[in-house]
Amino acid sequence: AAFFQISPILQNGIMKKYHIESSSLDSVTNVYDRKYLIEKIKKIISLSDNQDKNITFLLIGIDHFKAIIEEFDYDIADKVLIELAKVIHSNIKDFDIVARLTGDEFLIALINLPHPSEATKIAEKIIKQFALVKVVVNEKTKQTLQKTICIGISTYPQDGKKINDVLKNADRFLNEAKNKGRGQFAVFTKEQLSTIDLF
């Protein structure tokens, strides 16, 4: 009797959790949205204040993404986004978090990397693997499209005591990577920040 009284409560709790998480998913790529990622990161930080933790952010942008929509359409653009999400997930751990921001940008939170160099290795793998992906744009002719990405990298708390500051750093260095050309990444450094054009 007690089980049957508790069961609906448990079921409602599970359904509520599922609804909250599903409502935080991007409808195209099935990764989380920015708000969910930030909330998760804040929880991780609050639970690990007394521990030596780090969170490295990889901000990813597709090179010349608007050209896909102009030359093809939004459906093809969505295919490119989905393929990028697949590549991202294949290169990160289960407890890392991925979110899609607006348009073509994805944000990865790598939790507690053993060494800063690990972030650049992951960035390089994602860049190289995605460049090899062929997206079919015409089923009849089998025409395919290949795109490249750039990545800006910044780490909490080394590069900033506030998450928003670290994300701004990643955004600035994503732009710096794009300035270097296609398929590039740039790692935040305070020395380089003073030399880059922010606008």
C-alpha atoms as a PDB file:
ATOM      1  CA  ALA A   1       0.000   0.000   0.000  1.00  0.00           C
ATOM      2  CA  ALA A   2       2.835   2.349   0.923  1.00  0.00           C
ATOM      3  CA  PHE A   3       4.533   1.643  -2.412  1.00  0.00           C
ATOM      4  CA  PHE A   4       1.408   2.540  -4.379  1.00  0.00           C
ATOM      5  CA  GLN A   5       1.111   5.785  -2.407  1.00  0.00           C
ATOM      6  CA  ILE A   6       4.773   6.731  -3.049  1.00  0.00           C
ATOM      7  CA  SER A   7       4.896   5.550  -6.671  1.00  0.00           C
ATOM      8  CA  PRO A   8       2.881   8.465  -8.172  1.00  0.00           C
ATOM      9  CA  ILE A   9       5.115  10.922  -6.267  1.00  0.00           C
ATOM     10  CA  LEU A  10       8.261   9.333  -7.686  1.00  0.00           C
ATOM     11  CA  GLN A  11       6.738   9.217 -11.146  1.00  0.00           C
ATOM     12  CA  ASN A  12       5.746  12.888 -10.968  1.00  0.00           C
ATOM     13  CA  GLY A  13       9.253  13.766  -9.825  1.00  0.00           C
ATOM     14  CA  ILE A  14      10.816  11.860 -12.726  1.00  0.00           C
ATOM     15  CA  MET A  15       8.417  13.417 -15.234  1.00  0.00           C
ATOM     16  CA  LYS A  16       9.095  16.898 -13.843  1.00  0.00           C
ATOM     17  CA  LYS A  17      12.868  16.386 -14.126  1.00  0.00           C
ATOM     18  CA  TYR A  18      12.488  15.031 -17.654  1.00  0.00           C
ATOM     19  CA  HIS A  19      10.334  18.008 -18.660  1.00  0.00           C
ATOM     20  CA  ILE A  20      12.807  20.505 -17.210  1.00  0.00           C
ATOM     21  CA  GLU A  21      15.751  18.899 -18.985  1.00  0.00           C
ATOM     22  CA  SER A  22      13.930  18.367 -22.286  1.00  0.00           C
ATOM     23  CA  SER A  23      12.745  21.981 -22.286  1.00  0.00           C
ATOM     24  CA  SER A  24      16.394  23.030 -21.982  1.00  0.00           C
ATOM     25  CA  LEU A  25      17.417  21.161 -25.131  1.00  0.00           C
ATOM     26  CA  ASP A  26      18.047  22.818 -28.478  1.00  0.00           C
ATOM     27  CA  SER A  27      15.407  21.530 -30.911  1.00  0.00           C
ATOM     28  CA  VAL A  28      17.856  21.116 -33.807  1.00  0.00           C
ATOM     29  CA  THR A  29      20.983  19.574 -32.270  1.00  0.00           C
ATOM     30  CA  ASN A  30      19.549  18.085 -29.059  1.00  0.00           C
ATOM     31  CA  VAL A  31      22.253  19.695 -26.908  1.00  0.00           C
ATOM     32  CA  TYR A  32      21.512  21.983 -23.972  1.00  0.00           C
ATOM     33  CA  ASP A  33      20.861  25.689 -24.256  1.00  0.00           C
ATOM     34  CA  ARG A  34      23.115  28.376 -22.751  1.00  0.00           C
ATOM     35  CA  LYS A  35      20.924  28.985 -19.686  1.00  0.00           C
ATOM     36  CA  TYR A  36      21.007  25.323 -18.659  1.00  0.00           C
ATOM     37  CA  LEU A  37      24.781  25.112 -19.100  1.00  0.00           C
ATOM     38  CA  ILE A  38      25.412  28.209 -16.973  1.00  0.00           C
ATOM     39  CA  GLU A  39      23.114  26.931 -14.221  1.00  0.00           C
ATOM     40  CA  LYS A  40      24.910  23.567 -14.205  1.00  0.00           C
ATOM     41  CA  ILE A  41      28.326  25.253 -14.075  1.00  0.00           C
ATOM     42  CA  LYS A  42      27.285  27.454 -11.151  1.00  0.00           C
ATOM     43  CA  LYS A  43      26.149  24.363  -9.247  1.00  0.00           C
ATOM     44  CA  ILE A  44      29.444  22.604  -9.936  1.00  0.00           C
ATOM     45  CA  ILE A  45      31.389  25.638  -8.728  1.00  0.00           C
ATOM     46  CA  SER A  46      29.286  26.030  -5.576  1.00  0.00           C
ATOM     47  CA  LEU A  47      29.853  22.364  -4.690  1.00  0.00           C
ATOM     48  CA  SER A  48      33.599  22.533  -5.286  1.00  0.00           C
ATOM     49  CA  ASP A  49      34.666  25.847  -3.710  1.00  0.00           C
ATOM     50  CA  ASN A  50      37.048  24.101  -1.367  1.00  0.00           C
ATOM     51  CA  GLN A  51      38.540  21.836  -4.017  1.00  0.00           C
ATOM     52  CA  ASP A  52      41.082  22.397  -6.744  1.00  0.00           C
ATOM     53  CA  LYS A  53      38.690  22.425  -9.712  1.00  0.00           C
ATOM     54  CA  ASN A  54      38.907  23.962 -13.156  1.00  0.00           C
ATOM     55  CA  ILE A  55      36.438  24.370 -16.004  1.00  0.00           C
ATOM     56  CA  THR A  56      37.742  25.014 -19.503  1.00  0.00           C
ATOM     57  CA  PHE A  57      35.368  26.587 -22.005  1.00  0.00           C
ATOM     58  CA  LEU A  58      35.629  25.945 -25.731  1.00  0.00           C
ATOM     59  CA  LEU A  59      33.553  28.394 -27.753  1.00  0.00           C
ATOM     60  CA  ILE A  60      33.058  27.055 -31.275  1.00  0.00           C
ATOM     61  CA  GLY A  61      31.933  28.967 -34.342  1.00  0.00           C
ATOM     62  CA  ILE A  62      31.406  27.634 -37.879  1.00  0.00           C
ATOM     63  CA  ASP A  63      33.398  29.527 -40.480  1.00  0.00           C
ATOM     64  CA  HIS A  64      31.194  31.518 -42.885  1.00  0.00           C
ATOM     65  CA  PHE A  65      28.009  29.895 -41.605  1.00  0.00           C
ATOM     66  CA  LYS A  66      25.705  32.472 -43.227  1.00  0.00           C
ATOM     67  CA  ALA A  67      27.026  31.433 -46.631  1.00  0.00           C
ATOM     68  CA  ILE A  68      25.379  28.011 -46.144  1.00  0.00           C
ATOM     69  CA  ILE A  69      21.952  29.612 -45.758  1.00  0.00           C
ATOM     70  CA  GLU A  70      22.548  32.002 -48.655  1.00  0.00           C
ATOM     71  CA  GLU A  71      23.771  29.296 -51.039  1.00  0.00           C
ATOM     72  CA  PHE A  72      21.486  26.487 -49.872  1.00  0.00           C
ATOM     73  CA  ASP A  73      18.815  26.819 -47.143  1.00  0.00           C
ATOM     74  CA  TYR A  74      18.102  26.472 -43.432  1.00  0.00           C
ATOM     75  CA  ASP A  75      17.618  22.698 -43.685  1.00  0.00           C
ATOM     76  CA  ILE A  76      21.194  22.252 -44.935  1.00  0.00           C
ATOM     77  CA  ALA A  77      22.420  24.630 -42.233  1.00  0.00           C
ATOM     78  CA  ASP A  78      20.656  22.465 -39.641  1.00  0.00           C
ATOM     79  CA  LYS A  79      22.368  19.350 -41.041  1.00  0.00           C
ATOM     80  CA  VAL A  80      25.753  21.040 -40.583  1.00  0.00           C
ATOM     81  CA  LEU A  81      24.885  21.944 -36.981  1.00  0.00           C
ATOM     82  CA  ILE A  82      23.774  18.379 -36.230  1.00  0.00           C
ATOM     83  CA  GLU A  83      27.003  16.942 -37.649  1.00  0.00           C
ATOM     84  CA  LEU A  84      29.070  19.361 -35.575  1.00  0.00           C
ATOM     85  CA  ALA A  85      27.175  18.342 -32.425  1.00  0.00           C
ATOM     86  CA  LYS A  86      27.991  14.680 -33.198  1.00  0.00           C
ATOM     87  CA  VAL A  87      31.704  15.441 -33.587  1.00  0.00           C
ATOM     88  CA  ILE A  88      31.732  17.423 -30.340  1.00  0.00           C
ATOM     89  CA  HIS A  89      30.088  14.618 -28.359  1.00  0.00           C
ATOM     90  CA  SER A  90      32.496  12.030 -29.750  1.00  0.00           C
ATOM     91  CA  ASN A  91      35.449  13.977 -28.316  1.00  0.00           C
ATOM     92  CA  ILE A  92      34.309  14.824 -24.791  1.00  0.00           C
ATOM     93  CA  LYS A  93      33.518  12.904 -21.618  1.00  0.00           C
ATOM     94  CA  ASP A  94      30.056  12.084 -20.304  1.00  0.00           C
ATOM     95  CA  PHE A  95      30.269  14.626 -17.491  1.00  0.00           C
ATOM     96  CA  ASP A  96      31.355  17.482 -19.762  1.00  0.00           C
ATOM     97  CA  ILE A  97      28.548  19.792 -20.911  1.00  0.00           C
ATOM     98  CA  VAL A  98      27.656  21.068 -24.387  1.00  0.00           C
ATOM     99  CA  ALA A  99      25.272  23.881 -25.228  1.00  0.00           C
ATOM    100  CA  ARG A 100      24.239  25.588 -28.426  1.00  0.00           C
ATOM    101  CA  LEU A 101      24.220  29.353 -28.234  1.00  0.00           C
ATOM    102  CA  THR A 102      22.647  31.481 -30.952  1.00  0.00           C
ATOM    103  CA  GLY A 103      23.133  30.612 -34.614  1.00  0.00           C
ATOM    104  CA  ASP A 104      26.249  28.564 -35.288  1.00  0.00           C
ATOM    105  CA  GLU A 105      27.995  28.804 -31.917  1.00  0.00           C
ATOM    106  CA  PHE A 106      28.461  25.931 -29.473  1.00  0.00           C
ATOM    107  CA  LEU A 107      29.886  26.157 -25.960  1.00  0.00           C
ATOM    108  CA  ILE A 108      31.661  23.200 -24.349  1.00  0.00           C
ATOM    109  CA  ALA A 109      32.466  23.065 -20.634  1.00  0.00           C
ATOM    110  CA  LEU A 110      35.304  20.625 -19.957  1.00  0.00           C
ATOM    111  CA  ILE A 111      35.228  19.734 -16.275  1.00  0.00           C
ATOM    112  CA  ASN A 112      38.458  19.440 -14.292  1.00  0.00           C
ATOM    113  CA  LEU A 113      41.009  18.689 -16.984  1.00  0.00           C
ATOM    114  CA  PRO A 114      44.246  17.158 -15.604  1.00  0.00           C
ATOM    115  CA  HIS A 115      46.383  19.591 -17.629  1.00  0.00           C
ATOM    116  CA  PRO A 116      45.652  22.763 -19.684  1.00  0.00           C
ATOM    117  CA  SER A 117      47.179  21.146 -22.783  1.00  0.00           C
ATOM    118  CA  GLU A 118      44.272  18.662 -22.829  1.00  0.00           C
ATOM    119  CA  ALA A 119      41.932  21.449 -23.973  1.00  0.00           C
ATOM    120  CA  THR A 120      44.044  22.240 -27.032  1.00  0.00           C
ATOM    121  CA  LYS A 121      44.241  18.540 -27.913  1.00  0.00           C
ATOM    122  CA  ILE A 122      40.448  18.259 -27.778  1.00  0.00           C
ATOM    123  CA  ALA A 123      40.064  21.468 -29.816  1.00  0.00           C
ATOM    124  CA  GLU A 124      42.450  20.169 -32.476  1.00  0.00           C
ATOM    125  CA  LYS A 125      40.592  16.836 -32.704  1.00  0.00           C
ATOM    126  CA  ILE A 126      37.209  18.537 -33.094  1.00  0.00           C
ATOM    127  CA  ILE A 127      38.560  20.915 -35.749  1.00  0.00           C
ATOM    128  CA  LYS A 128      40.237  18.133 -37.756  1.00  0.00           C
ATOM    129  CA  GLN A 129      37.342  15.654 -37.520  1.00  0.00           C
ATOM    130  CA  PHE A 130      34.659  18.178 -38.436  1.00  0.00           C
ATOM    131  CA  ALA A 131      36.669  19.337 -41.477  1.00  0.00           C
ATOM    132  CA  LEU A 132      36.380  15.784 -42.831  1.00  0.00           C
ATOM    133  CA  VAL A 133      32.592  15.596 -42.435  1.00  0.00           C
ATOM    134  CA  LYS A 134      30.669  15.626 -45.719  1.00  0.00           C
ATOM    135  CA  VAL A 135      27.100  16.901 -45.538  1.00  0.00           C
ATOM    136  CA  VAL A 136      24.861  15.831 -48.435  1.00  0.00           C
ATOM    137  CA  VAL A 137      23.188  18.906 -49.922  1.00  0.00           C
ATOM    138  CA  ASN A 138      21.552  17.216 -52.909  1.00  0.00           C
ATOM    139  CA  GLU A 139      20.253  13.650 -52.674  1.00  0.00           C
ATOM    140  CA  LYS A 140      19.958  13.284 -56.460  1.00  0.00           C
ATOM    141  CA  THR A 141      23.423  14.507 -57.449  1.00  0.00           C
ATOM    142  CA  LYS A 142      25.031  13.438 -54.142  1.00  0.00           C
ATOM    143  CA  GLN A 143      26.665  16.855 -53.900  1.00  0.00           C
ATOM    144  CA  THR A 144      28.327  17.322 -50.497  1.00  0.00           C
ATOM    145  CA  LEU A 145      29.459  20.260 -48.402  1.00  0.00           C
ATOM    146  CA  GLN A 146      32.445  20.457 -46.062  1.00  0.00           C
ATOM    147  CA  LYS A 147      32.893  23.237 -43.503  1.00  0.00           C
ATOM    148  CA  THR A 148      35.492  24.302 -40.957  1.00  0.00           C
ATOM    149  CA  ILE A 149      35.275  25.719 -37.443  1.00  0.00           C
ATOM    150  CA  CYS A 150      37.287  27.994 -35.162  1.00  0.00           C
ATOM    151  CA  ILE A 151      37.540  27.736 -31.374  1.00  0.00           C
ATOM    152  CA  GLY A 152      38.277  30.192 -28.566  1.00  0.00           C
ATOM    153  CA  ILE A 153      39.512  28.703 -25.279  1.00  0.00           C
ATOM    154  CA  SER A 154      39.456  30.120 -21.741  1.00  0.00           C
ATOM    155  CA  THR A 155      39.628  28.493 -18.282  1.00  0.00           C
ATOM    156  CA  TYR A 156      37.965  29.173 -14.923  1.00  0.00           C
ATOM    157  CA  PRO A 157      39.291  30.292 -12.464  1.00  0.00           C
ATOM    158  CA  GLN A 158      42.750  30.892 -13.999  1.00  0.00           C
ATOM    159  CA  ASP A 159      41.468  33.367 -16.610  1.00  0.00           C
ATOM    160  CA  GLY A 160      38.768  35.031 -14.515  1.00  0.00           C
ATOM    161  CA  LYS A 161      37.032  34.784 -11.152  1.00  0.00           C
ATOM    162  CA  LYS A 162      33.584  35.180 -12.734  1.00  0.00           C
ATOM    163  CA  ILE A 163      32.100  32.814 -15.309  1.00  0.00           C
ATOM    164  CA  ASN A 164      30.882  35.683 -17.493  1.00  0.00           C
ATOM    165  CA  ASP A 165      34.400  37.105 -17.669  1.00  0.00           C
ATOM    166  CA  VAL A 166      35.793  33.741 -18.738  1.00  0.00           C
ATOM    167  CA  LEU A 167      33.091  33.398 -21.404  1.00  0.00           C
ATOM    168  CA  LYS A 168      33.917  36.876 -22.709  1.00  0.00           C
ATOM    169  CA  ASN A 169      37.553  35.789 -22.966  1.00  0.00           C
ATOM    170  CA  ALA A 170      36.540  32.707 -24.954  1.00  0.00           C
ATOM    171  CA  ASP A 171      34.429  34.880 -27.253  1.00  0.00           C
ATOM    172  CA  ARG A 172      37.256  37.351 -27.851  1.00  0.00           C
ATOM    173  CA  PHE A 173      39.670  34.559 -28.653  1.00  0.00           C
ATOM    174  CA  LEU A 174      37.175  32.853 -30.954  1.00  0.00           C
ATOM    175  CA  ASN A 175      37.279  36.073 -32.953  1.00  0.00           C
ATOM    176  CA  GLU A 176      41.073  36.022 -32.728  1.00  0.00           C
ATOM    177  CA  ALA A 177      41.089  32.457 -34.097  1.00  0.00           C
ATOM    178  CA  LYS A 178      38.845  33.503 -36.997  1.00  0.00           C
ATOM    179  CA  ASN A 179      41.184  36.394 -37.741  1.00  0.00           C
ATOM    180  CA  LYS A 180      43.973  33.838 -38.244  1.00  0.00           C
ATOM    181  CA  GLY A 181      41.945  31.933 -40.861  1.00  0.00           C
ATOM    182  CA  ARG A 182      39.682  28.903 -41.143  1.00  0.00           C
ATOM    183  CA  GLY A 183      40.040  25.875 -38.894  1.00  0.00           C
ATOM    184  CA  GLN A 184      41.998  27.668 -36.168  1.00  0.00           C
ATOM    185  CA  PHE A 185      41.907  27.888 -32.364  1.00  0.00           C
ATOM    186  CA  ALA A 186      43.196  30.510 -29.943  1.00  0.00           C
ATOM    187  CA  VAL A 187      43.890  30.111 -26.216  1.00  0.00           C
ATOM    188  CA  PHE A 188      43.297  33.065 -23.901  1.00  0.00           C
ATOM    189  CA  THR A 189      46.352  34.736 -22.420  1.00  0.00           C
ATOM    190  CA  LYS A 190      46.384  38.011 -20.544  1.00  0.00           C
ATOM    191  CA  GLU A 191      49.440  39.128 -22.528  1.00  0.00           C
ATOM    192  CA  GLN A 192      47.733  38.601 -25.878  1.00  0.00           C
ATOM    193  CA  LEU A 193      44.465  40.176 -24.685  1.00  0.00           C
ATOM    194  CA  SER A 194      46.131  43.598 -24.559  1.00  0.00           C
ATOM    195  CA  THR A 195      47.157  43.331 -28.224  1.00  0.00           C
ATOM    196  CA  ILE A 196      43.973  42.063 -29.908  1.00  0.00           C
ATOM    197  CA  ASP A 197      41.305  44.272 -31.440  1.00  0.00           C
ATOM    198  CA  LEU A 198      38.132  43.856 -29.352  1.00  0.00           C
ATOM    199  CA  PHE A 199      35.830  45.605 -31.833  1.00  0.00           C
END
